[in-house]
Amino acid sequence: MVLELLNWDLSAITPYCILDELLRRLIPHLHDLRGHFQDLQSIRNYAETLLSLAITESDFLTVPPSLIAVASLITAMSSLNQKPSHNEPLVANFLQNLFDLTGLNLQEVAAVINNLEVIVRARINFDNQCTNYNTPPHTPHPTQKISPLPVSRTPTEMVKASTTCVC
């Protein structure tokens, strides 16, 4: 009751909260870059997908939420860039504003972006493996070895394995 009277909010700061705030503050700069992207909502959706992957990985437990949010936003923008980069000054200006706003530097963001890309590649490979296991079964030749199911290494893979590789 006291906290409510003081208008204090003790909820946790998550990468989702930071992504929302970044997008709200950087709207003018994002509108300058609209020519690069089909729509701004697709950037938000893809960034949120990357956030969802990142927060389920143990490698990101010690990474600040602001760093995860910035890396997800940049990765989403670079992945969805559909036009040639003839507006490089606009992109550089956007990135400079983003780094000024968050106080992060390029090196630490680049390291998290690399980790995100590794996770996405691993997830795609895992999904492809599970898809292959869900194909209609065929009777193997008696001398043919049956390969075991992939081992789950992360909570994400464990959830995916429990929903797609049902025996």
Foldseek 3Di string as FASTA:
>chain_A
DVCVVVVHDPDDDALLNLLVVLCVVCVVLVVVVVVFAPDPVQLVVQLVVLSVLLVQFPVCPPPDSNLSNVLSSVLSSVVRGDDPPPVVVSVVVSVVVSCVVSVDDDVSSVVVNVVSVVSVVVVVVLVVQLVVLPDDDDDDDPVDDDDDRDDDDTPVSVVVCVPRVDD
